Amino acid sequence: MHRFSIAIDQCPSELRPALAGITAERPDRFGPGGIAIRFIHEPAAARRLAVTIIPAAVEVRYATPTDAFRALGRLLGIDAAKKPTSFTETARFKVLGAFIDASRNGVLRVDQAKALMRRFALMGLNQVIIYTEDTYEVPGEPFFGYLRGGYSQSELKELDDHAHDLGLEMQLCIQVLGHLEQLLQWPAYAANRDTSGILLAEDDATYALIEKMVVAATRSLRCKTLQIGMDEAHGLGSGRYRKLHGIVPPFDILNRHLTRVREICRTHGINPRIMSDMYFRLGSKVDHYYDTDCVIPAEVIKDIPKDVGLTYWDYYHTSPDFYENWIDRHRALGSEPIMWTGVWTWCRMWAGLPFSLSAIDACMTASKKKKLPEVAACMWGDDGTECDIYSALPGLQFFAEHGHAEQVDPL
C-alpha cells in the first residue's frame, strides 16, 4: 500500500484534530517520505470532493470535513501496484450513518468507540448513532447503567467531541416505551411498568421519568435530534395499563403516548424520531411489520404527529421493489422516512456478510431511486453481542460505497 505524508499544521484547522488521530493510529501508512497530501476547503451547497494528482503531491478539495476524510480513505485503499489517479465524487445522500448497539451486554469502551468512528469517517459517513436502552447516565436515576457498563455524561461528551472532529454527528437511540426489561426489572420502577418490558403509558410518573431520560440523552451532545425507539412494543396496554384503564385500542395508546413524549421533547428543544414498525404491526392481522395486507386506519394516520420522524428499518429483503413499496407506505403516513438497513451482527459470532450485502444493495438502490435524504446501517447486538463488530466493516464499507455511487458491485 502507498505511504503518505500530511503536514497537519498546514491543514485547515477543522481537520487537524482528526488527522492527528488518524495518522497516529497508522504509522505504517503516514510519515516522512510519503506522498504529500494537501487539503483545500471549497465550500459548496452539497457534499463533494475532488482529488487531483500533481507533481510529488495529492491535492484534496472538499466541501465538508466528511468529504476530506472520505478522500483520504479512498487514497489509503489504493493498491501499491497502482499509481494514484485523480477522481471526483459526490455523496448520494445528505446523511450516511452507522448505528452501534450498546445495550446487549456489550457497551463499547470509549477508546474502541473512537477507533470505530475514525473508520466511519474514512468511509465517508457523517453520522453515528449509539443504541442505549438503559446504558447512559440519567442524573437521579442510579439504576440506569447499573451493572451494565453504561456511559457517563463525561464519556458521552468525550465521544461527541471526537465524533465532531471527524465530521460525524452523534446521536443516541433510547427507548421510551418498550425494550426496557433491563430497567423495569428493578423494584424501584414497579410503578412505571405496564408489562415486564413496556413502560406504563398515560401515567404522570412515567412521563416525569421520560423527561429525565430525554434530557439526559441529549445533555452532553451537540445534536438535539433523538431517536426515542418505541419499536416492538408487543403487548402494549395488556398489563397494568389494562387493570387501570380497561381494554383500549393499542393504536390509541400508541398515538397518545407519542403525542405526550413529543410535547416533552419539544419543551426541551429536542427533535424526536421513532421507529415505525408498531403502526404497521398493529394494522396487521398477524402482527407483522412487513405484512402487505396491513391497514392503518385513516383516523390513526391523522393523529400521528407529523413533525416526529418515522424510521423505516429493514434488514431482511433483497428486492428493491419491496423497499420502494414500503417507502411509499411510509410517505403516506405524512412525513419523509429515515431509512435503516443493516450489517448482520446479531445472533452470531461473525458478521453475516453475504446476505447483508444483498439486503444493503436492494435497500440502497431503492433509497436512491426514491431520493431519500437519510440512511444508516445498523449493527445490532441481539442475544448478547457475541459478534466481533470489526467483522462488520466490509459490509459497512459496501454501504458507504453505495452512498457515493449509483451502482456498486458487491463482489
Protein backbone atom coordinates (compact mmCIF):
# COMPACT_ATOMS: atom_id res chain seq x y z
CA MET A 1 0.00 0.00 0.00
CA HIS A 2 1.11 3.58 -0.60
CA ARG A 3 2.62 5.68 2.18
CA PHE A 4 1.53 9.30 2.63
CA SER A 5 2.74 12.43 4.39
CA ILE A 6 0.47 15.10 5.87
CA ALA A 7 1.77 18.35 7.33
CA ILE A 8 -1.02 18.67 9.87
CA ASP A 9 -0.07 22.18 11.00
CA GLN A 10 -0.58 23.36 7.40
CA CYS A 11 -4.02 21.72 7.03
CA PRO A 12 -7.31 23.59 7.57
CA SER A 13 -7.87 23.87 11.31
CA GLU A 14 -11.16 21.95 11.20
CA LEU A 15 -9.29 18.81 10.05
CA ARG A 16 -6.28 18.89 12.36
CA PRO A 17 -7.57 17.04 15.47
CA ALA A 18 -8.96 14.14 13.44
CA LEU A 19 -5.95 13.91 11.13
CA ALA A 20 -3.68 13.77 14.17
CA GLY A 21 -5.62 10.77 15.47
CA ILE A 22 -5.82 9.01 12.12
CA THR A 23 -2.13 9.39 11.32
CA ALA A 24 -1.03 8.40 14.83
CA GLU A 25 -3.06 5.20 14.57
CA ARG A 26 -1.34 4.17 11.31
CA PRO A 27 2.38 4.97 11.48
CA ASP A 28 2.89 2.34 8.78
CA ARG A 29 0.89 4.48 6.32
CA PHE A 30 1.91 8.01 7.29
CA GLY A 31 5.28 9.66 7.79
CA PRO A 32 8.31 11.29 6.17
CA GLY A 33 9.00 10.23 2.61
CA GLY A 34 5.38 9.52 1.79
CA ILE A 35 3.31 11.12 -0.94
CA ALA A 36 2.31 14.58 0.31
CA ILE A 37 -1.41 15.28 0.72
CA ARG A 38 -2.72 18.85 0.79
CA PHE A 39 -6.27 19.68 1.84
CA ILE A 40 -8.14 22.69 0.40
CA HIS A 41 -11.58 23.65 1.66
CA GLU A 42 -14.03 24.68 -1.06
CA PRO A 43 -17.48 25.34 0.45
CA ALA A 44 -20.37 24.03 -1.61
CA ALA A 45 -24.11 23.55 -1.26
CA ALA A 46 -23.76 19.77 -1.32
CA ARG A 47 -21.16 17.24 -0.30
CA ARG A 48 -18.44 16.73 -2.90
CA LEU A 49 -14.73 16.10 -3.19
CA ALA A 50 -12.06 16.31 -5.88
CA VAL A 51 -8.67 14.61 -5.69
CA THR A 52 -6.02 15.85 -8.11
CA ILE A 53 -2.61 14.27 -8.63
CA ILE A 54 0.05 16.93 -9.08
CA PRO A 55 3.84 16.53 -9.24
CA ALA A 56 5.01 14.90 -6.00
CA ALA A 57 1.75 15.54 -4.18
CA VAL A 58 -2.00 15.00 -3.99
CA GLU A 59 -4.49 17.86 -3.65
CA VAL A 60 -7.79 17.15 -1.92
CA ARG A 61 -10.52 19.75 -2.42
CA TYR A 62 -13.50 19.16 -0.16
CA ALA A 63 -16.86 20.71 0.71
CA THR A 64 -17.19 19.27 4.23
CA PRO A 65 -14.75 17.57 6.61
CA THR A 66 -16.56 14.31 5.86
CA ASP A 67 -15.54 14.67 2.21
CA ALA A 68 -11.92 15.27 3.19
CA PHE A 69 -11.80 12.10 5.29
CA ARG A 70 -13.60 10.11 2.60
CA ALA A 71 -10.98 11.23 0.08
CA LEU A 72 -8.21 10.18 2.47
CA GLY A 73 -9.89 6.80 2.96
CA ARG A 74 -10.00 6.23 -0.78
CA LEU A 75 -6.35 7.15 -1.15
CA LEU A 76 -5.41 4.71 1.61
CA GLY A 77 -7.26 1.97 -0.26
CA ILE A 78 -5.25 2.26 -3.48
CA ASP A 79 -3.24 -0.87 -4.18
CA ALA A 80 0.53 -0.39 -4.02
CA ALA A 81 0.84 -1.78 -7.54
CA LYS A 82 -1.31 1.06 -8.90
CA LYS A 83 -0.48 4.73 -9.13
CA PRO A 84 -2.94 7.17 -7.51
CA THR A 85 -5.16 8.85 -10.10
CA SER A 86 -7.37 11.92 -9.94
CA PHE A 87 -11.07 11.47 -9.13
CA THR A 88 -14.17 13.35 -8.07
CA GLU A 89 -17.12 12.18 -6.02
CA THR A 90 -20.50 13.44 -4.82
CA ALA A 91 -22.46 11.90 -1.97
CA ARG A 92 -25.87 10.49 -2.92
CA PHE A 93 -27.42 11.21 0.48
CA LYS A 94 -27.44 14.14 2.87
CA VAL A 95 -26.84 11.77 5.80
CA LEU A 96 -24.98 8.45 5.83
CA GLY A 97 -24.94 6.90 9.27
CA ALA A 98 -23.59 3.96 11.25
CA PHE A 99 -25.55 2.51 14.17
CA ILE A 100 -23.83 0.75 17.10
CA ASP A 101 -25.70 -1.33 19.68
CA ALA A 102 -24.52 -0.65 23.26
CA SER A 103 -27.42 -2.30 25.08
CA ARG A 104 -26.95 -6.06 24.72
CA ASN A 105 -24.24 -6.76 27.29
CA GLY A 106 -21.58 -5.17 25.14
CA VAL A 107 -21.08 -1.45 25.76
CA LEU A 108 -18.04 -0.46 23.71
CA ARG A 109 -15.17 1.07 25.62
CA VAL A 110 -14.68 4.72 24.80
CA ASP A 111 -11.36 4.09 23.07
CA GLN A 112 -12.90 1.41 20.84
CA ALA A 113 -15.90 3.55 20.00
CA LYS A 114 -13.48 6.29 18.93
CA ALA A 115 -11.46 3.84 16.84
CA LEU A 116 -14.61 2.78 15.01
CA MET A 117 -15.59 6.40 14.46
CA ARG A 118 -12.27 7.03 12.73
CA ARG A 119 -13.04 4.19 10.35
CA PHE A 120 -16.53 5.52 9.75
CA ALA A 121 -15.07 8.91 8.83
CA LEU A 122 -12.62 7.37 6.35
CA MET A 123 -15.58 5.65 4.70
CA GLY A 124 -17.33 8.99 4.22
CA LEU A 125 -20.04 8.56 6.84
CA ASN A 126 -21.28 11.65 8.66
CA GLN A 127 -23.48 10.25 11.42
CA VAL A 128 -23.05 7.78 14.30
CA ILE A 129 -25.96 6.55 16.42
CA ILE A 130 -25.37 4.63 19.66
CA TYR A 131 -28.21 2.47 20.98
CA THR A 132 -28.58 2.89 24.73
CA GLU A 133 -31.70 1.37 26.29
CA ASP A 134 -30.55 1.96 29.87
CA THR A 135 -26.80 2.34 29.33
CA TYR A 136 -26.45 6.10 29.72
CA GLU A 137 -26.28 8.19 32.86
CA VAL A 138 -29.54 9.78 33.98
CA PRO A 139 -28.98 12.09 36.96
CA GLY A 140 -31.04 10.98 39.95
CA GLU A 141 -31.70 7.52 38.45
CA PRO A 142 -28.84 5.26 39.62
CA PHE A 143 -30.25 2.10 38.02
CA PHE A 144 -29.52 3.47 34.55
CA GLY A 145 -26.30 1.70 33.61
CA TYR A 146 -26.18 -0.22 36.91
CA LEU A 147 -24.01 -3.32 36.44
CA ARG A 148 -24.30 -2.71 32.68
CA GLY A 149 -21.28 -0.56 31.88
CA GLY A 150 -23.35 2.46 30.93
CA TYR A 151 -21.78 5.64 29.56
CA SER A 152 -21.35 8.54 31.97
CA GLN A 153 -22.21 12.05 30.83
CA SER A 154 -18.50 12.89 30.65
CA GLU A 155 -17.90 9.85 28.43
CA LEU A 156 -20.76 10.84 26.15
CA LYS A 157 -19.27 14.32 25.83
CA GLU A 158 -15.86 12.83 25.06
CA LEU A 159 -17.39 10.65 22.35
CA ASP A 160 -19.38 13.55 20.93
CA ASP A 161 -16.26 15.75 20.79
CA HIS A 162 -14.37 13.04 18.92
CA ALA A 163 -17.26 12.47 16.53
CA HIS A 164 -17.48 16.21 15.84
CA ASP A 165 -13.77 16.36 15.00
CA LEU A 166 -14.36 13.58 12.46
CA GLY A 167 -17.32 15.27 10.79
CA LEU A 168 -19.75 12.84 12.43
CA GLU A 169 -22.99 13.94 14.05
CA MET A 170 -23.52 11.77 17.12
CA GLN A 171 -26.97 10.80 18.36
CA LEU A 172 -28.28 8.39 20.94
CA CYS A 173 -31.13 5.99 20.36
CA ILE A 174 -33.03 5.37 23.59
CA GLN A 175 -36.35 3.71 24.42
CA VAL A 176 -39.40 5.47 25.85
CA LEU A 177 -41.91 2.62 25.57
CA GLY A 178 -40.67 -0.97 25.05
CA HIS A 179 -37.35 -2.82 25.22
CA LEU A 180 -36.82 -1.72 28.82
CA GLU A 181 -36.66 -5.11 30.57
CA GLN A 182 -33.22 -4.34 31.98
CA LEU A 183 -34.52 -1.21 33.70
CA LEU A 184 -38.01 -2.37 34.67
CA GLN A 185 -36.69 -5.48 36.42
CA TRP A 186 -35.81 -3.28 39.42
CA PRO A 187 -38.43 -2.76 42.15
CA ALA A 188 -37.73 0.98 42.01
CA TYR A 189 -39.60 1.06 38.66
CA ALA A 190 -42.52 -1.22 39.55
CA ALA A 191 -44.92 1.73 39.34
CA ASN A 192 -43.69 2.52 35.81
CA ARG A 193 -44.39 -0.96 34.36
CA ASP A 194 -47.18 -1.88 32.01
CA THR A 195 -45.58 -5.24 31.21
CA SER A 196 -42.13 -6.59 32.04
CA GLY A 197 -40.52 -4.59 29.23
CA ILE A 198 -43.01 -1.80 28.44
CA LEU A 199 -43.50 1.49 30.29
CA LEU A 200 -46.92 2.37 31.63
CA ALA A 201 -48.43 4.87 29.20
CA GLU A 202 -50.72 7.75 30.22
CA ASP A 203 -49.16 7.94 33.67
CA ASP A 204 -47.68 11.13 35.11
CA ALA A 205 -44.86 9.33 36.92
CA THR A 206 -43.86 7.65 33.66
CA TYR A 207 -43.67 10.97 31.83
CA ALA A 208 -41.64 12.51 34.64
CA LEU A 209 -39.15 9.66 34.17
CA ILE A 210 -39.18 10.03 30.39
CA GLU A 211 -38.46 13.75 30.73
CA LYS A 212 -35.34 12.92 32.74
CA MET A 213 -34.35 10.36 30.09
CA VAL A 214 -34.64 12.55 27.01
CA VAL A 215 -32.89 15.47 28.71
CA ALA A 216 -30.03 13.20 29.84
CA ALA A 217 -29.74 11.57 26.40
CA THR A 218 -29.11 14.91 24.70
CA ARG A 219 -27.46 16.86 27.52
CA SER A 220 -23.83 16.16 26.55
CA LEU A 221 -24.32 16.07 22.76
CA ARG A 222 -24.30 18.86 20.20
CA CYS A 223 -27.11 17.23 18.23
CA LYS A 224 -30.61 17.64 19.65
CA THR A 225 -32.21 15.07 17.37
CA LEU A 226 -33.07 12.00 19.44
CA GLN A 227 -34.24 8.58 18.33
CA ILE A 228 -36.72 7.50 21.01
CA GLY A 229 -37.41 3.98 19.74
CA MET A 230 -40.97 2.81 20.51
CA ASP A 231 -40.45 -0.29 18.36
CA GLU A 232 -41.55 -3.87 19.04
CA ALA A 233 -43.78 -2.92 21.97
CA HIS A 234 -45.56 -6.26 21.83
CA GLY A 235 -48.37 -6.44 24.37
CA LEU A 236 -48.78 -2.68 24.68
CA GLY A 237 -51.64 -1.94 27.07
CA SER A 238 -52.11 -5.57 28.09
CA GLY A 239 -50.58 -5.48 31.57
CA ARG A 240 -51.01 -2.99 34.38
CA TYR A 241 -52.37 -0.45 31.89
CA ARG A 242 -55.38 -2.72 31.27
CA LYS A 243 -56.05 -3.05 35.00
CA LEU A 244 -56.12 0.74 35.29
CA HIS A 245 -57.92 1.70 32.07
CA GLY A 246 -59.62 -1.41 30.74
CA ILE A 247 -59.24 -2.59 27.15
CA VAL A 248 -58.10 0.33 24.97
CA PRO A 249 -57.17 0.01 21.26
CA PRO A 250 -53.34 -0.15 21.08
CA PHE A 251 -53.35 2.40 18.23
CA ASP A 252 -54.92 4.92 20.61
CA ILE A 253 -52.39 4.20 23.36
CA LEU A 254 -49.51 4.48 20.90
CA ASN A 255 -50.58 7.83 19.44
CA ARG A 256 -51.45 9.38 22.79
CA HIS A 257 -48.15 8.26 24.26
CA LEU A 258 -46.20 9.58 21.28
CA THR A 259 -48.01 12.91 21.45
CA ARG A 260 -47.17 13.29 25.14
CA VAL A 261 -43.49 12.37 24.64
CA ARG A 262 -43.28 14.71 21.66
CA GLU A 263 -44.53 17.58 23.84
CA ILE A 264 -41.83 16.81 26.42
CA CYS A 265 -39.16 16.75 23.74
CA ARG A 266 -40.26 20.00 22.15
CA THR A 267 -40.26 21.71 25.55
CA HIS A 268 -36.53 20.97 25.75
CA GLY A 269 -35.71 21.77 22.10
CA ILE A 270 -35.33 18.08 21.18
CA ASN A 271 -36.38 16.72 17.77
CA PRO A 272 -37.78 13.21 18.33
CA ARG A 273 -37.80 10.29 15.93
CA ILE A 274 -39.34 6.87 16.37
CA MET A 275 -39.16 3.51 14.64
CA SER A 276 -42.29 2.97 12.59
CA ASP A 277 -42.98 -0.73 12.96
CA MET A 278 -45.72 -0.59 15.62
CA TYR A 279 -48.07 1.26 13.25
CA PHE A 280 -47.66 -1.48 10.66
CA ARG A 281 -47.79 -4.32 13.20
CA LEU A 282 -50.99 -3.02 14.77
CA GLY A 283 -52.51 -2.72 11.31
CA SER A 284 -51.58 -6.33 10.52
CA LYS A 285 -53.79 -9.27 11.44
CA VAL A 286 -50.63 -11.32 12.03
CA ASP A 287 -48.64 -8.62 13.90
CA HIS A 288 -46.06 -8.45 11.09
CA TYR A 289 -44.13 -5.29 10.17
CA TYR A 290 -43.89 -6.22 6.51
CA ASP A 291 -47.42 -7.56 6.00
CA THR A 292 -48.55 -6.32 2.59
CA ASP A 293 -52.17 -6.68 3.73
CA CYS A 294 -51.78 -4.39 6.75
CA VAL A 295 -54.19 -1.46 7.04
CA ILE A 296 -53.52 1.62 9.16
CA PRO A 297 -56.84 3.43 9.71
CA ALA A 298 -57.12 6.98 8.40
CA GLU A 299 -58.00 8.33 11.86
CA VAL A 300 -54.79 6.82 13.24
CA ILE A 301 -52.70 8.38 10.46
CA LYS A 302 -54.36 11.74 11.14
CA ASP A 303 -53.24 11.64 14.78
CA ILE A 304 -49.58 10.73 14.13
CA PRO A 305 -47.54 13.88 14.92
CA LYS A 306 -46.17 14.93 11.54
CA ASP A 307 -43.05 16.57 12.96
CA VAL A 308 -41.85 13.31 14.52
CA GLY A 309 -39.58 11.44 12.10
CA LEU A 310 -40.53 7.86 11.26
CA THR A 311 -37.67 5.41 10.80
CA TYR A 312 -38.26 2.54 8.39
CA TRP A 313 -35.91 -0.29 9.37
CA ASP A 314 -35.49 -3.29 7.12
CA TYR A 315 -32.59 -5.76 7.10
CA TYR A 316 -34.46 -8.63 5.50
CA HIS A 317 -35.49 -8.00 1.92
CA THR A 318 -33.33 -8.42 -1.17
CA SER A 319 -35.62 -6.87 -3.78
CA PRO A 320 -35.57 -3.10 -4.37
CA ASP A 321 -39.27 -3.29 -5.25
CA PHE A 322 -40.24 -4.16 -1.68
CA TYR A 323 -38.30 -1.22 -0.25
CA GLU A 324 -39.83 1.15 -2.79
CA ASN A 325 -43.33 -0.04 -1.83
CA TRP A 326 -42.65 0.38 1.89
CA ILE A 327 -41.07 3.81 1.41
CA ASP A 328 -44.27 4.88 -0.35
CA ARG A 329 -46.33 3.46 2.52
CA HIS A 330 -44.28 5.46 4.99
CA ARG A 331 -44.71 8.63 2.97
CA ALA A 332 -48.48 8.02 3.07
CA LEU A 333 -48.25 8.42 6.86
CA GLY A 334 -47.37 12.08 6.34
CA SER A 335 -43.59 12.51 6.53
CA GLU A 336 -40.33 11.60 4.81
CA PRO A 337 -38.95 8.38 6.32
CA ILE A 338 -35.46 7.80 7.62
CA MET A 339 -34.10 4.52 6.20
CA TRP A 340 -32.14 1.94 8.21
CA THR A 341 -30.52 -1.08 6.60
CA GLY A 342 -28.18 -3.42 8.45
CA VAL A 343 -24.99 -5.44 8.59
CA TRP A 344 -25.99 -8.71 10.26
CA THR A 345 -24.00 -8.73 13.51
CA TRP A 346 -26.77 -10.06 15.75
CA CYS A 347 -27.27 -13.64 16.96
CA ARG A 348 -23.94 -14.79 15.51
CA MET A 349 -20.21 -14.78 16.21
CA TRP A 350 -19.16 -13.15 12.91
CA ALA A 351 -20.96 -10.74 10.61
CA GLY A 352 -23.22 -12.45 8.07
CA LEU A 353 -21.77 -10.62 5.10
CA PRO A 354 -23.23 -12.41 2.04
CA PHE A 355 -26.86 -11.79 3.00
CA SER A 356 -26.01 -8.34 4.39
CA LEU A 357 -24.60 -7.25 1.03
CA SER A 358 -27.72 -8.46 -0.78
CA ALA A 359 -30.05 -6.61 1.59
CA ILE A 360 -27.94 -3.43 1.62
CA ASP A 361 -27.72 -3.45 -2.18
CA ALA A 362 -31.51 -3.66 -2.55
CA CYS A 363 -32.18 -1.08 0.16
CA MET A 364 -29.69 1.49 -1.11
CA THR A 365 -30.77 1.04 -4.72
CA ALA A 366 -34.37 1.76 -3.74
CA SER A 367 -33.41 4.62 -1.41
CA LYS A 368 -31.55 6.38 -4.20
CA LYS A 369 -34.39 5.85 -6.64
CA LYS A 370 -36.84 7.29 -4.12
CA LYS A 371 -34.41 10.14 -3.31
CA LEU A 372 -34.41 9.62 0.44
CA PRO A 373 -32.12 12.11 2.19
CA GLU A 374 -31.04 9.97 5.13
CA VAL A 375 -29.91 6.36 5.52
CA ALA A 376 -27.98 4.41 8.16
CA ALA A 377 -26.59 0.90 8.55
CA CYS A 378 -27.34 -0.85 11.85
CA MET A 379 -25.06 -3.26 13.66
CA TRP A 380 -27.32 -4.78 16.31
CA GLY A 381 -26.14 -6.95 19.19
CA ASP A 382 -29.21 -9.07 19.96
CA ASP A 383 -28.58 -12.16 22.07
CA GLY A 384 -25.53 -10.89 23.90
CA THR A 385 -23.30 -9.04 21.42
CA GLU A 386 -21.17 -12.12 20.72
CA CYS A 387 -20.20 -10.81 17.28
CA ASP A 388 -16.86 -9.10 16.63
CA ILE A 389 -18.05 -5.71 15.43
CA TYR A 390 -14.93 -5.26 13.32
CA SER A 391 -16.13 -8.16 11.16
CA ALA A 392 -18.95 -5.85 10.04
CA LEU A 393 -16.61 -3.29 8.45
CA PRO A 394 -16.66 -4.84 4.94
CA GLY A 395 -20.45 -4.63 4.95
CA LEU A 396 -20.34 -1.07 6.23
CA GLN A 397 -17.80 -0.17 3.53
CA PHE A 398 -20.18 -1.57 0.91
CA PHE A 399 -22.94 0.59 2.38
CA ALA A 400 -20.63 3.63 2.21
CA GLU A 401 -19.74 2.91 -1.42
CA HIS A 402 -23.45 2.82 -2.24
CA GLY A 403 -23.70 6.23 -0.60
CA HIS A 404 -21.23 7.68 -3.08
CA ALA A 405 -22.11 5.91 -6.36
CA GLU A 406 -25.20 4.96 -8.33
CA GLN A 407 -24.28 1.29 -8.51
CA VAL A 408 -21.79 -0.89 -6.62
CA ASP A 409 -20.53 -4.36 -7.46
CA PRO A 410 -20.94 -6.47 -4.28
CA LEU A 411 -18.08 -8.70 -5.43
